[in-house]
Amino acid sequence: MDDPKLIDLEPHKWRSDRPKPREPIFGAGAANLIAIGITVAILLGLSYFVRGQLNAWWPGSQAETSKSLPPGNYTWSPEKGLQKSD
């Protein structure tokens, strides 16, 4: 060990005169992570709102197909379709 740059220290014994960065989650990337999270939340909110507006404006697309049937027994045939059987 003639070279002074080759000092083998334990990580908890490292010292330096210059300031060291903090953990990565608190570093410069935290602002980007928060900005991405806010952007995703806004886009999801807008898509939910637009989907609701489209369903209200154009009710024939999903409103009729999502109606539930009253309770009872039903039979289906290719000729007659779905019919309630008594």
PDB file of N, CA and C in Angstrom:
ATOM      1  N   MET A   1       0.826  -1.181   0.000  1.00  0.00           N
ATOM      2  CA  MET A   1       0.000   0.000   0.000  1.00  0.00           C
ATOM      3  C   MET A   1       0.872   1.247   0.000  1.00  0.00           C
ATOM      4  N   ASP A   2       1.616   1.394  -1.023  1.00  0.00           N
ATOM      5  CA  ASP A   2       2.473   2.569  -1.147  1.00  0.00           C
ATOM      6  C   ASP A   2       1.722   3.761  -1.707  1.00  0.00           C
ATOM      7  N   ASP A   3       0.640   3.502  -2.438  1.00  0.00           N
ATOM      8  CA  ASP A   3      -0.146   4.590  -3.040  1.00  0.00           C
ATOM      9  C   ASP A   3      -1.155   5.105  -2.024  1.00  0.00           C
ATOM     10  N   PRO A   4      -1.146   6.423  -1.696  1.00  0.00           N
ATOM     11  CA  PRO A   4      -2.086   6.926  -0.690  1.00  0.00           C
ATOM     12  C   PRO A   4      -3.542   6.937  -1.154  1.00  0.00           C
ATOM     13  N   LYS A   5      -3.785   6.805  -2.456  1.00  0.00           N
ATOM     14  CA  LYS A   5      -5.155   6.774  -2.956  1.00  0.00           C
ATOM     15  C   LYS A   5      -5.817   5.420  -2.713  1.00  0.00           C
ATOM     16  N   LEU A   6      -5.060   4.412  -2.407  1.00  0.00           N
ATOM     17  CA  LEU A   6      -5.585   3.066  -2.202  1.00  0.00           C
ATOM     18  C   LEU A   6      -5.753   2.772  -0.711  1.00  0.00           C
ATOM     19  N   ILE A   7      -6.546   3.552  -0.045  1.00  0.00           N
ATOM     20  CA  ILE A   7      -6.821   3.344   1.370  1.00  0.00           C
ATOM     21  C   ILE A   7      -8.121   2.558   1.486  1.00  0.00           C
ATOM     22  N   ASP A   8      -8.101   1.494   2.183  1.00  0.00           N
ATOM     23  CA  ASP A   8      -9.272   0.641   2.333  1.00  0.00           C
ATOM     24  C   ASP A   8      -9.973   0.990   3.645  1.00  0.00           C
ATOM     25  N   LEU A   9     -11.085   1.727   3.542  1.00  0.00           N
ATOM     26  CA  LEU A   9     -11.846   2.134   4.720  1.00  0.00           C
ATOM     27  C   LEU A   9     -13.225   1.508   4.690  1.00  0.00           C
ATOM     28  N   GLU A  10     -13.785   1.355   5.860  1.00  0.00           N
ATOM     29  CA  GLU A  10     -15.179   0.938   5.975  1.00  0.00           C
ATOM     30  C   GLU A  10     -16.056   2.107   5.508  1.00  0.00           C
ATOM     31  N   PRO A  11     -17.230   1.834   4.905  1.00  0.00           N
ATOM     32  CA  PRO A  11     -18.076   2.929   4.407  1.00  0.00           C
ATOM     33  C   PRO A  11     -18.483   3.925   5.488  1.00  0.00           C
ATOM     34  N   HIS A  12     -18.685   3.498   6.718  1.00  0.00           N
ATOM     35  CA  HIS A  12     -19.101   4.437   7.758  1.00  0.00           C
ATOM     36  C   HIS A  12     -17.951   5.328   8.235  1.00  0.00           C
ATOM     37  N   LYS A  13     -16.727   5.055   7.782  1.00  0.00           N
ATOM     38  CA  LYS A  13     -15.571   5.873   8.162  1.00  0.00           C
ATOM     39  C   LYS A  13     -15.163   6.853   7.064  1.00  0.00           C
ATOM     40  N   TRP A  14     -15.886   6.884   5.957  1.00  0.00           N
ATOM     41  CA  TRP A  14     -15.523   7.793   4.872  1.00  0.00           C
ATOM     42  C   TRP A  14     -15.771   9.225   5.306  1.00  0.00           C
ATOM     43  N   ARG A  15     -14.848  10.107   5.022  1.00  0.00           N
ATOM     44  CA  ARG A  15     -14.974  11.527   5.333  1.00  0.00           C
ATOM     45  C   ARG A  15     -14.561  12.336   4.115  1.00  0.00           C
ATOM     46  N   SER A  16     -15.145  13.506   3.982  1.00  0.00           N
ATOM     47  CA  SER A  16     -14.813  14.375   2.863  1.00  0.00           C
ATOM     48  C   SER A  16     -15.066  15.820   3.272  1.00  0.00           C
ATOM     49  N   ASP A  17     -14.326  16.738   2.650  1.00  0.00           N
ATOM     50  CA  ASP A  17     -14.520  18.162   2.919  1.00  0.00           C
ATOM     51  C   ASP A  17     -15.655  18.753   2.093  1.00  0.00           C
ATOM     52  N   ARG A  18     -15.978  18.109   0.988  1.00  0.00           N
ATOM     53  CA  ARG A  18     -17.052  18.630   0.131  1.00  0.00           C
ATOM     54  C   ARG A  18     -18.400  18.052   0.577  1.00  0.00           C
ATOM     55  N   PRO A  19     -19.493  18.788   0.353  1.00  0.00           N
ATOM     56  CA  PRO A  19     -20.813  18.266   0.755  1.00  0.00           C
ATOM     57  C   PRO A  19     -21.216  17.088  -0.133  1.00  0.00           C
ATOM     58  N   LYS A  20     -21.800  16.102   0.469  1.00  0.00           N
ATOM     59  CA  LYS A  20     -22.232  14.909  -0.265  1.00  0.00           C
ATOM     60  C   LYS A  20     -23.733  15.001  -0.536  1.00  0.00           C
ATOM     61  N   PRO A  21     -24.159  14.454  -1.664  1.00  0.00           N
ATOM     62  CA  PRO A  21     -25.600  14.453  -1.944  1.00  0.00           C
ATOM     63  C   PRO A  21     -26.327  13.516  -0.991  1.00  0.00           C
ATOM     64  N   ARG A  22     -27.578  13.816  -0.787  1.00  0.00           N
ATOM     65  CA  ARG A  22     -28.396  12.972   0.079  1.00  0.00           C
ATOM     66  C   ARG A  22     -28.828  11.727  -0.659  1.00  0.00           C
ATOM     67  N   GLU A  23     -29.691  10.959  -0.048  1.00  0.00           N
ATOM     68  CA  GLU A  23     -30.202   9.750  -0.671  1.00  0.00           C
ATOM     69  C   GLU A  23     -30.901  10.116  -1.983  1.00  0.00           C
ATOM     70  N   PRO A  24     -30.946   9.205  -2.953  1.00  0.00           N
ATOM     71  CA  PRO A  24     -31.534   9.527  -4.260  1.00  0.00           C
ATOM     72  C   PRO A  24     -32.992   9.972  -4.202  1.00  0.00           C
ATOM     73  N   ILE A  25     -33.770   9.461  -3.260  1.00  0.00           N
ATOM     74  CA  ILE A  25     -35.183   9.841  -3.225  1.00  0.00           C
ATOM     75  C   ILE A  25     -35.373  11.301  -2.815  1.00  0.00           C
ATOM     76  N   PHE A  26     -34.406  11.864  -2.097  1.00  0.00           N
ATOM     77  CA  PHE A  26     -34.498  13.256  -1.687  1.00  0.00           C
ATOM     78  C   PHE A  26     -33.658  14.163  -2.582  1.00  0.00           C
ATOM     79  N   GLY A  27     -33.049  13.619  -3.604  1.00  0.00           N
ATOM     80  CA  GLY A  27     -32.167  14.398  -4.472  1.00  0.00           C
ATOM     81  C   GLY A  27     -32.943  15.172  -5.522  1.00  0.00           C
ATOM     82  N   ALA A  28     -32.261  15.459  -6.616  1.00  0.00           N
ATOM     83  CA  ALA A  28     -32.847  16.265  -7.688  1.00  0.00           C
ATOM     84  C   ALA A  28     -33.983  15.535  -8.400  1.00  0.00           C
ATOM     85  N   GLY A  29     -34.020  14.217  -8.331  1.00  0.00           N
ATOM     86  CA  GLY A  29     -35.060  13.459  -9.006  1.00  0.00           C
ATOM     87  C   GLY A  29     -36.417  13.521  -8.333  1.00  0.00           C
ATOM     88  N   ALA A  30     -36.479  13.995  -7.099  1.00  0.00           N
ATOM     89  CA  ALA A  30     -37.763  14.048  -6.387  1.00  0.00           C
ATOM     90  C   ALA A  30     -38.723  15.022  -7.062  1.00  0.00           C
ATOM     91  N   ALA A  31     -38.228  16.155  -7.540  1.00  0.00           N
ATOM     92  CA  ALA A  31     -39.106  17.128  -8.211  1.00  0.00           C
ATOM     93  C   ALA A  31     -39.687  16.529  -9.483  1.00  0.00           C
ATOM     94  N   ASN A  32     -38.866  15.793 -10.228  1.00  0.00           N
ATOM     95  CA  ASN A  32     -39.370  15.154 -11.446  1.00  0.00           C
ATOM     96  C   ASN A  32     -40.412  14.090 -11.119  1.00  0.00           C
ATOM     97  N   LEU A  33     -40.188  13.320 -10.069  1.00  0.00           N
ATOM     98  CA  LEU A  33     -41.142  12.294  -9.670  1.00  0.00           C
ATOM     99  C   LEU A  33     -42.479  12.907  -9.266  1.00  0.00           C
ATOM    100  N   ILE A  34     -42.436  13.992  -8.529  1.00  0.00           N
ATOM    101  CA  ILE A  34     -43.671  14.675  -8.120  1.00  0.00           C
ATOM    102  C   ILE A  34     -44.383  15.243  -9.332  1.00  0.00           C
ATOM    103  N   ALA A  35     -43.632  15.838 -10.265  1.00  0.00           N
ATOM    104  CA  ALA A  35     -44.242  16.403 -11.476  1.00  0.00           C
ATOM    105  C   ALA A  35     -44.891  15.311 -12.318  1.00  0.00           C
ATOM    106  N   ILE A  36     -44.241  14.170 -12.437  1.00  0.00           N
ATOM    107  CA  ILE A  36     -44.820  13.062 -13.207  1.00  0.00           C
ATOM    108  C   ILE A  36     -46.077  12.543 -12.512  1.00  0.00           C
ATOM    109  N   GLY A  37     -46.048  12.428 -11.197  1.00  0.00           N
ATOM    110  CA  GLY A  37     -47.226  11.972 -10.459  1.00  0.00           C
ATOM    111  C   GLY A  37     -48.416  12.908 -10.619  1.00  0.00           C
ATOM    112  N   ILE A  38     -48.158  14.212 -10.540  1.00  0.00           N
ATOM    113  CA  ILE A  38     -49.238  15.196 -10.718  1.00  0.00           C
ATOM    114  C   ILE A  38     -49.784  15.131 -12.136  1.00  0.00           C
ATOM    115  N   THR A  39     -48.895  14.992 -13.127  1.00  0.00           N
ATOM    116  CA  THR A  39     -49.336  14.911 -14.525  1.00  0.00           C
ATOM    117  C   THR A  39     -50.195  13.674 -14.759  1.00  0.00           C
ATOM    118  N   VAL A  40     -49.794  12.549 -14.224  1.00  0.00           N
ATOM    119  CA  VAL A  40     -50.583  11.319 -14.388  1.00  0.00           C
ATOM    120  C   VAL A  40     -51.942  11.463 -13.716  1.00  0.00           C
ATOM    121  N   ALA A  41     -51.975  12.069 -12.530  1.00  0.00           N
ATOM    122  CA  ALA A  41     -53.249  12.259 -11.831  1.00  0.00           C
ATOM    123  C   ALA A  41     -54.181  13.175 -12.630  1.00  0.00           C
ATOM    124  N   ILE A  42     -53.644  14.233 -13.206  1.00  0.00           N
ATOM    125  CA  ILE A  42     -54.465  15.149 -14.011  1.00  0.00           C
ATOM    126  C   ILE A  42     -54.992  14.439 -15.256  1.00  0.00           C
ATOM    127  N   LEU A  43     -54.132  13.672 -15.928  1.00  0.00           N
ATOM    128  CA  LEU A  43     -54.576  12.966 -17.130  1.00  0.00           C
ATOM    129  C   LEU A  43     -55.630  11.913 -16.822  1.00  0.00           C
ATOM    130  N   LEU A  44     -55.468  11.191 -15.713  1.00  0.00           N
ATOM    131  CA  LEU A  44     -56.495  10.215 -15.336  1.00  0.00           C
ATOM    132  C   LEU A  44     -57.813  10.898 -14.990  1.00  0.00           C
ATOM    133  N   GLY A  45     -57.738  12.019 -14.294  1.00  0.00           N
ATOM    134  CA  GLY A  45     -58.949  12.761 -13.972  1.00  0.00           C
ATOM    135  C   GLY A  45     -59.645  13.289 -15.214  1.00  0.00           C
ATOM    136  N   LEU A  46     -58.869  13.815 -16.145  1.00  0.00           N
ATOM    137  CA  LEU A  46     -59.463  14.310 -17.387  1.00  0.00           C
ATOM    138  C   LEU A  46     -60.084  13.187 -18.213  1.00  0.00           C
ATOM    139  N   SER A  47     -59.402  12.043 -18.271  1.00  0.00           N
ATOM    140  CA  SER A  47     -59.965  10.940 -19.046  1.00  0.00           C
ATOM    141  C   SER A  47     -61.256  10.425 -18.406  1.00  0.00           C
ATOM    142  N   TYR A  48     -61.311  10.395 -17.070  1.00  0.00           N
ATOM    143  CA  TYR A  48     -62.535   9.973 -16.384  1.00  0.00           C
ATOM    144  C   TYR A  48     -63.664  10.970 -16.654  1.00  0.00           C
ATOM    145  N   PHE A  49     -63.345  12.262 -16.618  1.00  0.00           N
ATOM    146  CA  PHE A  49     -64.344  13.294 -16.873  1.00  0.00           C
ATOM    147  C   PHE A  49     -64.842  13.229 -18.319  1.00  0.00           C
ATOM    148  N   VAL A  50     -63.917  13.109 -19.275  1.00  0.00           N
ATOM    149  CA  VAL A  50     -64.297  13.067 -20.690  1.00  0.00           C
ATOM    150  C   VAL A  50     -65.120  11.819 -20.979  1.00  0.00           C
ATOM    151  N   ARG A  51     -64.746  10.689 -20.365  1.00  0.00           N
ATOM    152  CA  ARG A  51     -65.528   9.472 -20.564  1.00  0.00           C
ATOM    153  C   ARG A  51     -66.961   9.654 -20.065  1.00  0.00           C
ATOM    154  N   GLY A  52     -67.123  10.303 -18.923  1.00  0.00           N
ATOM    155  CA  GLY A  52     -68.463  10.565 -18.401  1.00  0.00           C
ATOM    156  C   GLY A  52     -69.253  11.503 -19.294  1.00  0.00           C
ATOM    157  N   GLN A  53     -68.581  12.526 -19.834  1.00  0.00           N
ATOM    158  CA  GLN A  53     -69.262  13.452 -20.738  1.00  0.00           C
ATOM    159  C   GLN A  53     -69.677  12.756 -22.028  1.00  0.00           C
ATOM    160  N   LEU A  54     -68.808  11.887 -22.557  1.00  0.00           N
ATOM    161  CA  LEU A  54     -69.163  11.163 -23.777  1.00  0.00           C
ATOM    162  C   LEU A  54     -70.323  10.210 -23.543  1.00  0.00           C
ATOM    163  N   ASN A  55     -70.337   9.527 -22.415  1.00  0.00           N
ATOM    164  CA  ASN A  55     -71.453   8.626 -22.115  1.00  0.00           C
ATOM    165  C   ASN A  55     -72.750   9.389 -21.932  1.00  0.00           C
ATOM    166  N   ALA A  56     -72.691  10.591 -21.359  1.00  0.00           N
ATOM    167  CA  ALA A  56     -73.901  11.395 -21.183  1.00  0.00           C
ATOM    168  C   ALA A  56     -74.383  11.952 -22.513  1.00  0.00           C
ATOM    169  N   TRP A  57     -73.446  12.298 -23.395  1.00  0.00           N
ATOM    170  CA  TRP A  57     -73.819  12.887 -24.677  1.00  0.00           C
ATOM    171  C   TRP A  57     -74.233  11.830 -25.686  1.00  0.00           C
ATOM    172  N   TRP A  58     -73.646  10.653 -25.602  1.00  0.00           N
ATOM    173  CA  TRP A  58     -73.877   9.593 -26.572  1.00  0.00           C
ATOM    174  C   TRP A  58     -74.323   8.339 -25.831  1.00  0.00           C
ATOM    175  N   PRO A  59     -75.545   8.335 -25.312  1.00  0.00           N
ATOM    176  CA  PRO A  59     -75.962   7.257 -24.405  1.00  0.00           C
ATOM    177  C   PRO A  59     -76.184   5.908 -25.069  1.00  0.00           C
ATOM    178  N   GLY A  60     -76.356   5.860 -26.370  1.00  0.00           N
ATOM    179  CA  GLY A  60     -76.649   4.594 -27.031  1.00  0.00           C
ATOM    180  C   GLY A  60     -75.502   3.614 -27.040  1.00  0.00           C
ATOM    181  N   SER A  61     -74.290   4.068 -26.815  1.00  0.00           N
ATOM    182  CA  SER A  61     -73.142   3.177 -26.963  1.00  0.00           C
ATOM    183  C   SER A  61     -73.013   2.193 -25.811  1.00  0.00           C
ATOM    184  N   GLN A  62     -72.998   2.668 -24.564  1.00  0.00           N
ATOM    185  CA  GLN A  62     -72.790   1.757 -23.439  1.00  0.00           C
ATOM    186  C   GLN A  62     -73.971   1.703 -22.488  1.00  0.00           C
ATOM    187  N   ALA A  63     -74.813   2.698 -22.494  1.00  0.00           N
ATOM    188  CA  ALA A  63     -75.900   2.739 -21.517  1.00  0.00           C
ATOM    189  C   ALA A  63     -76.892   1.598 -21.750  1.00  0.00           C
ATOM    190  N   GLU A  64     -77.218   1.311 -23.018  1.00  0.00           N
ATOM    191  CA  GLU A  64     -78.195   0.254 -23.290  1.00  0.00           C
ATOM    192  C   GLU A  64     -77.614  -1.130 -23.055  1.00  0.00           C
ATOM    193  N   THR A  65     -76.358  -1.300 -23.337  1.00  0.00           N
ATOM    194  CA  THR A  65     -75.769  -2.629 -23.172  1.00  0.00           C
ATOM    195  C   THR A  65     -75.472  -2.945 -21.720  1.00  0.00           C
ATOM    196  N   SER A  66     -75.392  -1.940 -20.861  1.00  0.00           N
ATOM    197  CA  SER A  66     -75.060  -2.212 -19.469  1.00  0.00           C
ATOM    198  C   SER A  66     -76.287  -2.273 -18.560  1.00  0.00           C
ATOM    199  N   LYS A  67     -77.493  -2.219 -19.119  1.00  0.00           N
ATOM    200  CA  LYS A  67     -78.691  -2.334 -18.294  1.00  0.00           C
ATOM    201  C   LYS A  67     -78.805  -3.753 -17.754  1.00  0.00           C
ATOM    202  N   SER A  68     -79.123  -3.858 -16.471  1.00  0.00           N
ATOM    203  CA  SER A  68     -79.276  -5.183 -15.893  1.00  0.00           C
ATOM    204  C   SER A  68     -80.699  -5.686 -16.132  1.00  0.00           C
ATOM    205  N   LEU A  69     -80.821  -6.983 -16.195  1.00  0.00           N
ATOM    206  CA  LEU A  69     -82.121  -7.604 -16.411  1.00  0.00           C
ATOM    207  C   LEU A  69     -82.830  -7.804 -15.089  1.00  0.00           C
ATOM    208  N   PRO A  70     -84.162  -7.762 -15.094  1.00  0.00           N
ATOM    209  CA  PRO A  70     -84.885  -8.059 -13.860  1.00  0.00           C
ATOM    210  C   PRO A  70     -84.676  -9.520 -13.476  1.00  0.00           C
ATOM    211  N   PRO A  71     -84.825  -9.843 -12.204  1.00  0.00           N
ATOM    212  CA  PRO A  71     -84.596 -11.230 -11.785  1.00  0.00           C
ATOM    213  C   PRO A  71     -85.590 -12.184 -12.435  1.00  0.00           C
ATOM    214  N   GLY A  72     -85.130 -13.387 -12.643  1.00  0.00           N
ATOM    215  CA  GLY A  72     -85.978 -14.414 -13.249  1.00  0.00           C
ATOM    216  C   GLY A  72     -85.140 -15.362 -14.054  1.00  0.00           C
ATOM    217  N   ASN A  73     -85.805 -16.323 -14.696  1.00  0.00           N
ATOM    218  CA  ASN A  73     -85.127 -17.299 -15.551  1.00  0.00           C
ATOM    219  C   ASN A  73     -85.277 -16.873 -16.997  1.00  0.00           C
ATOM    220  N   TYR A  74     -84.201 -17.025 -17.743  1.00  0.00           N
ATOM    221  CA  TYR A  74     -84.189 -16.612 -19.139  1.00  0.00           C
ATOM    222  C   TYR A  74     -83.657 -17.744 -19.997  1.00  0.00           C
ATOM    223  N   THR A  75     -84.165 -17.802 -21.228  1.00  0.00           N
ATOM    224  CA  THR A  75     -83.639 -18.740 -22.213  1.00  0.00           C
ATOM    225  C   THR A  75     -83.264 -17.948 -23.457  1.00  0.00           C
ATOM    226  N   TRP A  76     -82.292 -18.495 -24.179  1.00  0.00           N
ATOM    227  CA  TRP A  76     -81.855 -17.831 -25.401  1.00  0.00           C
ATOM    228  C   TRP A  76     -81.870 -18.825 -26.534  1.00  0.00           C
ATOM    229  N   SER A  77     -82.382 -18.416 -27.659  1.00  0.00           N
ATOM    230  CA  SER A  77     -82.339 -19.234 -28.867  1.00  0.00           C
ATOM    231  C   SER A  77     -81.959 -18.321 -30.029  1.00  0.00           C
ATOM    232  N   PRO A  78     -81.290 -18.875 -31.042  1.00  0.00           N
ATOM    233  CA  PRO A  78     -80.888 -18.020 -32.167  1.00  0.00           C
ATOM    234  C   PRO A  78     -82.074 -17.409 -32.907  1.00  0.00           C
ATOM    235  N   GLU A  79     -83.191 -18.086 -32.906  1.00  0.00           N
ATOM    236  CA  GLU A  79     -84.361 -17.563 -33.633  1.00  0.00           C
ATOM    237  C   GLU A  79     -85.064 -16.438 -32.883  1.00  0.00           C
ATOM    238  N   LYS A  80     -85.207 -16.611 -31.553  1.00  0.00           N
ATOM    239  CA  LYS A  80     -86.008 -15.675 -30.785  1.00  0.00           C
ATOM    240  C   LYS A  80     -85.178 -14.731 -29.917  1.00  0.00           C
ATOM    241  N   GLY A  81     -83.921 -15.039 -29.708  1.00  0.00           N
ATOM    242  CA  GLY A  81     -83.092 -14.197 -28.855  1.00  0.00           C
ATOM    243  C   GLY A  81     -83.307 -14.536 -27.381  1.00  0.00           C
ATOM    244  N   LEU A  82     -83.098 -13.565 -26.509  1.00  0.00           N
ATOM    245  CA  LEU A  82     -83.253 -13.771 -25.084  1.00  0.00           C
ATOM    246  C   LEU A  82     -84.702 -13.525 -24.689  1.00  0.00           C
ATOM    247  N   GLN A  83     -85.297 -14.509 -24.040  1.00  0.00           N
ATOM    248  CA  GLN A  83     -86.677 -14.390 -23.602  1.00  0.00           C
ATOM    249  C   GLN A  83     -86.802 -14.905 -22.176  1.00  0.00           C
ATOM    250  N   LYS A  84     -87.712 -14.285 -21.456  1.00  0.00           N
ATOM    251  CA  LYS A  84     -87.948 -14.698 -20.071  1.00  0.00           C
ATOM    252  C   LYS A  84     -88.824 -15.938 -20.084  1.00  0.00           C
ATOM    253  N   SER A  85     -88.381 -16.959 -19.365  1.00  0.00           N
ATOM    254  CA  SER A  85     -89.171 -18.192 -19.303  1.00  0.00           C
ATOM    255  C   SER A  85     -89.862 -18.229 -17.947  1.00  0.00           C
ATOM    256  N   ASP A  86     -91.164 -18.561 -17.974  1.00  0.00           N
ATOM    257  CA  ASP A  86     -91.940 -18.590 -16.718  1.00  0.00           C
ATOM    258  C   ASP A  86     -92.052 -19.972 -16.163  1.00  0.00           C
TER     259      ASP A  86
END
